[in-house]
Amino acid sequence: MIEVVILDETHADSMGIYRLNVGCKYYIGATKNLLLRSIGHEKRINSWFVDMKYGKNSVTKICDYLLSNQWVTNLYIDLLEEVEYEECLVDAEQKWFDACFGDPDCLNFKMISYRKVDGIAIRPLIFAS
């Protein structure tokens, strides 16, 4: 059973960009609430091990790594950058994606940020190619 631990509980209700530390690798994401996102990661990863549903996505990359590194039982999540408005998440996340673009330790499947806010699609202004 994999457990996701928030490194700094004072950020549990924070909105922003986070890093999920998976052994020697990591995943970058954006969230409106760090606590709810950590719970979501824990549920998705543990349910993946029950169903073993392979796909072209970050959960599969994370779980493949965990299968090869069974010493990893706890994943640690930390807030990298806090944002005030949900609309700011896309550009902030893209900045972090750009910084880790091509890094073999990054477990993100897609490196282009995107989200819908009030039904409106928001994409980054600039991203690395």
N, C-alpha and C. Protein backbone atom coordinates (compact mmCIF):
# COMPACT_ATOMS: atom_id res chain seq x y z
N MET A 1 0.85 -1.18 0.00
CA MET A 1 0.00 0.00 0.00
C MET A 1 0.89 1.24 0.00
N ILE A 2 0.68 2.11 -0.96
CA ILE A 2 1.44 3.35 -1.08
C ILE A 2 0.74 4.44 -0.27
N GLU A 3 1.54 5.21 0.45
CA GLU A 3 1.00 6.34 1.21
C GLU A 3 1.62 7.62 0.67
N VAL A 4 0.78 8.65 0.48
CA VAL A 4 1.26 9.96 0.06
C VAL A 4 1.27 10.87 1.28
N VAL A 5 2.43 11.44 1.57
CA VAL A 5 2.62 12.27 2.76
C VAL A 5 2.90 13.70 2.34
N ILE A 6 2.18 14.66 2.92
CA ILE A 6 2.45 16.07 2.68
C ILE A 6 3.62 16.48 3.57
N LEU A 7 4.68 16.99 2.95
CA LEU A 7 5.88 17.33 3.71
C LEU A 7 5.65 18.47 4.70
N ASP A 8 4.85 19.45 4.31
CA ASP A 8 4.58 20.59 5.20
C ASP A 8 3.06 20.75 5.31
N GLU A 9 2.51 20.25 6.42
CA GLU A 9 1.05 20.27 6.62
C GLU A 9 0.44 21.67 6.60
N THR A 10 1.25 22.70 6.80
CA THR A 10 0.70 24.07 6.76
C THR A 10 0.26 24.43 5.34
N HIS A 11 0.69 23.66 4.34
CA HIS A 11 0.29 23.91 2.95
C HIS A 11 -0.87 23.03 2.50
N ALA A 12 -1.47 22.27 3.40
CA ALA A 12 -2.51 21.31 3.04
C ALA A 12 -3.66 21.93 2.26
N ASP A 13 -4.06 23.14 2.60
CA ASP A 13 -5.17 23.79 1.92
C ASP A 13 -4.72 24.72 0.79
N SER A 14 -3.44 24.67 0.44
CA SER A 14 -2.88 25.61 -0.54
C SER A 14 -3.24 25.23 -1.97
N MET A 15 -3.29 26.27 -2.83
CA MET A 15 -3.48 26.10 -4.26
C MET A 15 -2.15 26.45 -4.92
N GLY A 16 -1.71 25.59 -5.82
CA GLY A 16 -0.45 25.90 -6.48
C GLY A 16 0.15 24.71 -7.21
N ILE A 17 1.45 24.82 -7.44
CA ILE A 17 2.21 23.79 -8.14
C ILE A 17 2.92 22.93 -7.10
N TYR A 18 2.86 21.62 -7.29
CA TYR A 18 3.46 20.71 -6.33
C TYR A 18 4.39 19.72 -7.04
N ARG A 19 5.25 19.11 -6.25
CA ARG A 19 6.10 18.02 -6.72
C ARG A 19 5.76 16.79 -5.88
N LEU A 20 5.47 15.70 -6.55
CA LEU A 20 5.26 14.42 -5.89
C LEU A 20 6.56 13.64 -6.03
N ASN A 21 7.25 13.44 -4.92
CA ASN A 21 8.54 12.74 -4.91
C ASN A 21 8.27 11.24 -4.84
N VAL A 22 8.74 10.55 -5.88
CA VAL A 22 8.51 9.11 -6.03
C VAL A 22 9.88 8.43 -6.02
N GLY A 23 10.36 8.11 -4.84
CA GLY A 23 11.71 7.56 -4.73
C GLY A 23 12.72 8.58 -5.24
N CYS A 24 13.47 8.20 -6.27
CA CYS A 24 14.49 9.09 -6.86
C CYS A 24 13.94 9.90 -8.02
N LYS A 25 12.66 9.77 -8.29
CA LYS A 25 12.03 10.49 -9.41
C LYS A 25 10.94 11.40 -8.87
N TYR A 26 10.27 12.13 -9.76
CA TYR A 26 9.24 13.07 -9.32
C TYR A 26 8.20 13.31 -10.40
N TYR A 27 7.09 13.86 -9.98
CA TYR A 27 5.98 14.24 -10.86
C TYR A 27 5.60 15.66 -10.48
N ILE A 28 5.35 16.51 -11.47
CA ILE A 28 4.93 17.90 -11.25
C ILE A 28 3.44 18.01 -11.56
N GLY A 29 2.70 18.73 -10.72
CA GLY A 29 1.27 18.92 -10.96
C GLY A 29 0.77 20.24 -10.41
N ALA A 30 -0.47 20.54 -10.73
CA ALA A 30 -1.13 21.75 -10.25
C ALA A 30 -2.41 21.34 -9.52
N THR A 31 -2.74 22.07 -8.47
CA THR A 31 -3.93 21.70 -7.70
C THR A 31 -4.57 22.93 -7.05
N LYS A 32 -5.88 22.81 -6.82
CA LYS A 32 -6.59 23.84 -6.06
C LYS A 32 -6.49 23.57 -4.56
N ASN A 33 -6.17 22.31 -4.19
CA ASN A 33 -6.07 21.94 -2.77
C ASN A 33 -5.09 20.79 -2.63
N LEU A 34 -3.97 21.04 -1.99
CA LEU A 34 -2.89 20.05 -1.89
C LEU A 34 -3.32 18.79 -1.15
N LEU A 35 -4.10 18.93 -0.09
CA LEU A 35 -4.55 17.76 0.67
C LEU A 35 -5.43 16.85 -0.19
N LEU A 36 -6.41 17.45 -0.86
CA LEU A 36 -7.31 16.64 -1.71
C LEU A 36 -6.53 15.99 -2.85
N ARG A 37 -5.56 16.69 -3.39
CA ARG A 37 -4.76 16.14 -4.49
C ARG A 37 -3.90 14.98 -4.00
N SER A 38 -3.34 15.09 -2.80
CA SER A 38 -2.52 13.99 -2.28
C SER A 38 -3.38 12.75 -2.03
N ILE A 39 -4.59 12.95 -1.54
CA ILE A 39 -5.52 11.83 -1.34
C ILE A 39 -5.87 11.20 -2.68
N GLY A 40 -6.11 12.04 -3.69
CA GLY A 40 -6.41 11.54 -5.04
C GLY A 40 -5.28 10.72 -5.62
N HIS A 41 -4.04 11.20 -5.46
CA HIS A 41 -2.88 10.44 -5.94
C HIS A 41 -2.80 9.09 -5.24
N GLU A 42 -2.97 9.10 -3.95
CA GLU A 42 -2.88 7.85 -3.18
C GLU A 42 -3.92 6.83 -3.66
N LYS A 43 -5.16 7.29 -3.85
CA LYS A 43 -6.23 6.39 -4.31
C LYS A 43 -5.96 5.86 -5.71
N ARG A 44 -5.57 6.75 -6.64
CA ARG A 44 -5.34 6.33 -8.03
C ARG A 44 -4.17 5.35 -8.14
N ILE A 45 -3.10 5.62 -7.41
CA ILE A 45 -1.93 4.74 -7.48
C ILE A 45 -2.26 3.38 -6.88
N ASN A 46 -2.88 3.36 -5.71
CA ASN A 46 -3.21 2.08 -5.08
C ASN A 46 -4.24 1.29 -5.88
N SER A 47 -5.21 1.96 -6.49
CA SER A 47 -6.19 1.24 -7.31
C SER A 47 -5.56 0.73 -8.61
N TRP A 48 -4.54 1.42 -9.11
CA TRP A 48 -3.83 0.95 -10.31
C TRP A 48 -3.22 -0.42 -10.03
N PHE A 49 -2.65 -0.61 -8.84
CA PHE A 49 -2.03 -1.88 -8.50
C PHE A 49 -3.04 -3.01 -8.39
N VAL A 50 -4.31 -2.68 -8.15
CA VAL A 50 -5.37 -3.69 -8.11
C VAL A 50 -5.79 -4.06 -9.53
N ASP A 51 -6.03 -3.05 -10.37
CA ASP A 51 -6.54 -3.27 -11.73
C ASP A 51 -5.43 -3.49 -12.76
N MET A 52 -4.23 -2.95 -12.51
CA MET A 52 -3.09 -3.01 -13.44
C MET A 52 -3.49 -2.53 -14.84
N LYS A 53 -4.15 -1.39 -14.92
CA LYS A 53 -4.57 -0.83 -16.21
C LYS A 53 -3.45 0.02 -16.78
N TYR A 54 -2.77 -0.55 -17.77
CA TYR A 54 -1.69 0.17 -18.42
C TYR A 54 -2.27 1.15 -19.42
N GLY A 55 -1.63 2.31 -19.52
CA GLY A 55 -2.05 3.31 -20.48
C GLY A 55 -0.93 4.30 -20.69
N LYS A 56 -1.14 5.20 -21.60
CA LYS A 56 -0.15 6.26 -21.85
C LYS A 56 -0.50 7.44 -20.98
N ASN A 57 -0.07 7.36 -19.71
CA ASN A 57 -0.37 8.43 -18.76
C ASN A 57 0.65 8.42 -17.62
N SER A 58 0.61 9.46 -16.83
CA SER A 58 1.58 9.60 -15.73
C SER A 58 1.39 8.56 -14.64
N VAL A 59 0.16 8.15 -14.38
CA VAL A 59 -0.07 7.14 -13.33
C VAL A 59 0.65 5.84 -13.70
N THR A 60 0.56 5.45 -14.96
CA THR A 60 1.26 4.24 -15.40
C THR A 60 2.77 4.40 -15.26
N LYS A 61 3.31 5.57 -15.62
CA LYS A 61 4.75 5.81 -15.47
C LYS A 61 5.17 5.72 -14.00
N ILE A 62 4.37 6.33 -13.12
CA ILE A 62 4.67 6.29 -11.68
C ILE A 62 4.62 4.85 -11.18
N CYS A 63 3.58 4.12 -11.53
CA CYS A 63 3.41 2.74 -11.03
C CYS A 63 4.45 1.80 -11.61
N ASP A 64 4.84 1.99 -12.88
CA ASP A 64 5.92 1.18 -13.45
C ASP A 64 7.21 1.38 -12.65
N TYR A 65 7.48 2.64 -12.30
CA TYR A 65 8.66 2.93 -11.50
C TYR A 65 8.55 2.25 -10.12
N LEU A 66 7.38 2.32 -9.51
CA LEU A 66 7.18 1.71 -8.20
C LEU A 66 7.32 0.18 -8.26
N LEU A 67 6.87 -0.43 -9.35
CA LEU A 67 7.02 -1.88 -9.50
C LEU A 67 8.50 -2.28 -9.54
N SER A 68 9.32 -1.44 -10.15
CA SER A 68 10.76 -1.71 -10.25
C SER A 68 11.52 -1.32 -9.00
N ASN A 69 10.89 -0.54 -8.14
CA ASN A 69 11.56 -0.01 -6.94
C ASN A 69 10.65 -0.22 -5.74
N GLN A 70 10.45 -1.47 -5.38
CA GLN A 70 9.47 -1.80 -4.35
C GLN A 70 9.87 -1.34 -2.96
N TRP A 71 11.07 -0.82 -2.79
CA TRP A 71 11.48 -0.23 -1.53
C TRP A 71 10.74 1.08 -1.27
N VAL A 72 10.17 1.67 -2.33
CA VAL A 72 9.43 2.94 -2.18
C VAL A 72 8.01 2.61 -1.73
N THR A 73 7.66 3.03 -0.52
CA THR A 73 6.30 2.80 -0.01
C THR A 73 5.60 4.11 0.34
N ASN A 74 6.40 5.16 0.54
CA ASN A 74 5.84 6.48 0.82
C ASN A 74 6.24 7.45 -0.29
N LEU A 75 5.28 8.22 -0.76
CA LEU A 75 5.54 9.29 -1.72
C LEU A 75 5.36 10.59 -0.96
N TYR A 76 6.19 11.56 -1.25
CA TYR A 76 6.16 12.82 -0.52
C TYR A 76 5.78 13.95 -1.46
N ILE A 77 4.82 14.75 -1.03
CA ILE A 77 4.32 15.84 -1.86
C ILE A 77 4.68 17.16 -1.18
N ASP A 78 5.22 18.07 -1.98
CA ASP A 78 5.55 19.39 -1.42
C ASP A 78 5.14 20.49 -2.39
N LEU A 79 4.77 21.60 -1.82
CA LEU A 79 4.32 22.76 -2.60
C LEU A 79 5.54 23.50 -3.12
N LEU A 80 5.61 23.67 -4.44
CA LEU A 80 6.72 24.39 -5.06
C LEU A 80 6.42 25.87 -5.21
N GLU A 81 5.16 26.17 -5.54
CA GLU A 81 4.77 27.56 -5.79
C GLU A 81 3.29 27.73 -5.48
N GLU A 82 2.97 28.67 -4.65
CA GLU A 82 1.57 28.95 -4.32
C GLU A 82 1.04 30.02 -5.25
N VAL A 83 -0.21 29.87 -5.69
CA VAL A 83 -0.86 30.89 -6.52
C VAL A 83 -2.15 31.31 -5.84
N GLU A 84 -2.58 32.51 -6.17
CA GLU A 84 -3.77 33.06 -5.53
C GLU A 84 -5.05 32.72 -6.28
N TYR A 85 -4.95 32.63 -7.61
CA TYR A 85 -6.13 32.40 -8.44
C TYR A 85 -5.96 31.15 -9.29
N GLU A 86 -7.04 30.42 -9.48
CA GLU A 86 -6.99 29.19 -10.27
C GLU A 86 -6.49 29.45 -11.69
N GLU A 87 -6.84 30.59 -12.24
CA GLU A 87 -6.41 30.94 -13.60
C GLU A 87 -4.88 31.02 -13.72
N CYS A 88 -4.20 31.22 -12.61
CA CYS A 88 -2.73 31.34 -12.61
C CYS A 88 -2.03 29.98 -12.60
N LEU A 89 -2.77 28.91 -12.35
CA LEU A 89 -2.17 27.59 -12.24
C LEU A 89 -1.50 27.14 -13.54
N VAL A 90 -2.12 27.44 -14.68
CA VAL A 90 -1.61 26.94 -15.96
C VAL A 90 -0.23 27.50 -16.28
N ASP A 91 -0.07 28.81 -16.22
CA ASP A 91 1.24 29.39 -16.53
C ASP A 91 2.29 29.00 -15.50
N ALA A 92 1.89 28.91 -14.23
CA ALA A 92 2.84 28.51 -13.19
C ALA A 92 3.28 27.06 -13.41
N GLU A 93 2.34 26.18 -13.70
CA GLU A 93 2.68 24.77 -13.95
C GLU A 93 3.57 24.64 -15.19
N GLN A 94 3.25 25.40 -16.23
CA GLN A 94 4.04 25.32 -17.46
C GLN A 94 5.49 25.75 -17.21
N LYS A 95 5.65 26.75 -16.36
CA LYS A 95 7.01 27.20 -16.01
C LYS A 95 7.82 26.04 -15.41
N TRP A 96 7.19 25.26 -14.53
CA TRP A 96 7.86 24.13 -13.91
C TRP A 96 8.06 22.99 -14.91
N PHE A 97 7.09 22.77 -15.81
CA PHE A 97 7.26 21.77 -16.87
C PHE A 97 8.46 22.12 -17.73
N ASP A 98 8.57 23.38 -18.11
CA ASP A 98 9.67 23.83 -18.95
C ASP A 98 11.02 23.58 -18.26
N ALA A 99 11.05 23.78 -16.95
CA ALA A 99 12.30 23.60 -16.19
C ALA A 99 12.73 22.13 -16.15
N CYS A 100 11.78 21.21 -16.20
CA CYS A 100 12.15 19.79 -16.12
C CYS A 100 12.00 19.08 -17.47
N PHE A 101 11.77 19.83 -18.52
CA PHE A 101 11.63 19.25 -19.86
C PHE A 101 12.86 18.42 -20.22
N GLY A 102 12.66 17.18 -20.60
CA GLY A 102 13.77 16.30 -20.97
C GLY A 102 14.48 15.64 -19.81
N ASP A 103 14.08 15.92 -18.58
CA ASP A 103 14.71 15.31 -17.41
C ASP A 103 14.24 13.86 -17.28
N PRO A 104 15.14 12.89 -17.34
CA PRO A 104 14.73 11.48 -17.25
C PRO A 104 14.14 11.11 -15.88
N ASP A 105 14.34 11.94 -14.87
CA ASP A 105 13.77 11.68 -13.55
C ASP A 105 12.32 12.18 -13.42
N CYS A 106 11.85 12.92 -14.40
CA CYS A 106 10.48 13.45 -14.37
C CYS A 106 9.52 12.39 -14.90
N LEU A 107 8.47 12.10 -14.14
CA LEU A 107 7.50 11.07 -14.49
C LEU A 107 6.25 11.61 -15.17
N ASN A 108 6.23 12.89 -15.52
CA ASN A 108 5.07 13.45 -16.22
C ASN A 108 5.01 12.86 -17.63
N PHE A 109 3.80 12.52 -18.06
CA PHE A 109 3.61 11.99 -19.41
C PHE A 109 3.50 13.13 -20.41
N LYS A 110 2.68 14.11 -20.08
CA LYS A 110 2.53 15.29 -20.94
C LYS A 110 3.17 16.48 -20.25
N MET A 111 3.77 17.35 -21.04
CA MET A 111 4.48 18.50 -20.48
C MET A 111 3.85 19.82 -20.94
N ILE A 112 2.57 19.78 -21.22
CA ILE A 112 1.85 21.01 -21.57
C ILE A 112 0.67 21.15 -20.61
N SER A 113 0.67 22.25 -19.88
CA SER A 113 -0.38 22.49 -18.88
C SER A 113 -1.69 22.87 -19.57
N TYR A 114 -2.79 22.49 -18.92
CA TYR A 114 -4.12 22.78 -19.46
C TYR A 114 -5.12 22.56 -18.33
N ARG A 115 -6.14 23.41 -18.29
CA ARG A 115 -7.25 23.18 -17.36
C ARG A 115 -8.43 24.01 -17.78
N LYS A 116 -9.61 23.61 -17.30
CA LYS A 116 -10.83 24.39 -17.54
C LYS A 116 -11.21 25.08 -16.24
N VAL A 117 -11.49 26.37 -16.36
CA VAL A 117 -11.95 27.17 -15.22
C VAL A 117 -13.28 27.78 -15.62
N ASP A 118 -14.33 27.42 -14.90
CA ASP A 118 -15.68 27.89 -15.23
C ASP A 118 -16.05 27.61 -16.68
N GLY A 119 -15.65 26.42 -17.17
CA GLY A 119 -15.99 26.00 -18.52
C GLY A 119 -15.12 26.60 -19.61
N ILE A 120 -14.15 27.42 -19.24
CA ILE A 120 -13.27 28.06 -20.23
C ILE A 120 -11.91 27.36 -20.20
N ALA A 121 -11.45 26.93 -21.38
CA ALA A 121 -10.15 26.26 -21.49
C ALA A 121 -9.04 27.29 -21.34
N ILE A 122 -8.09 26.98 -20.48
CA ILE A 122 -6.93 27.85 -20.27
C ILE A 122 -5.68 27.07 -20.65
N ARG A 123 -4.90 27.67 -21.52
CA ARG A 123 -3.63 27.07 -21.97
C ARG A 123 -2.51 28.03 -21.64
N PRO A 124 -1.27 27.52 -21.57
CA PRO A 124 -0.15 28.42 -21.25
C PRO A 124 0.11 29.42 -22.37
N LEU A 125 0.65 30.57 -21.97
CA LEU A 125 0.98 31.60 -22.96
C LEU A 125 2.21 31.18 -23.76
N ILE A 126 3.23 30.63 -23.09
CA ILE A 126 4.48 30.23 -23.74
C ILE A 126 4.93 28.92 -23.12
N PHE A 127 5.44 27.99 -23.95
CA PHE A 127 5.99 26.76 -23.41
C PHE A 127 7.16 26.30 -24.26
N ALA A 128 8.01 25.48 -23.66
CA ALA A 128 9.19 24.96 -24.36
C ALA A 128 8.77 23.97 -25.41
N SER A 129 9.51 23.88 -26.47
CA SER A 129 9.17 22.91 -27.53
C SER A 129 10.21 21.81 -27.60
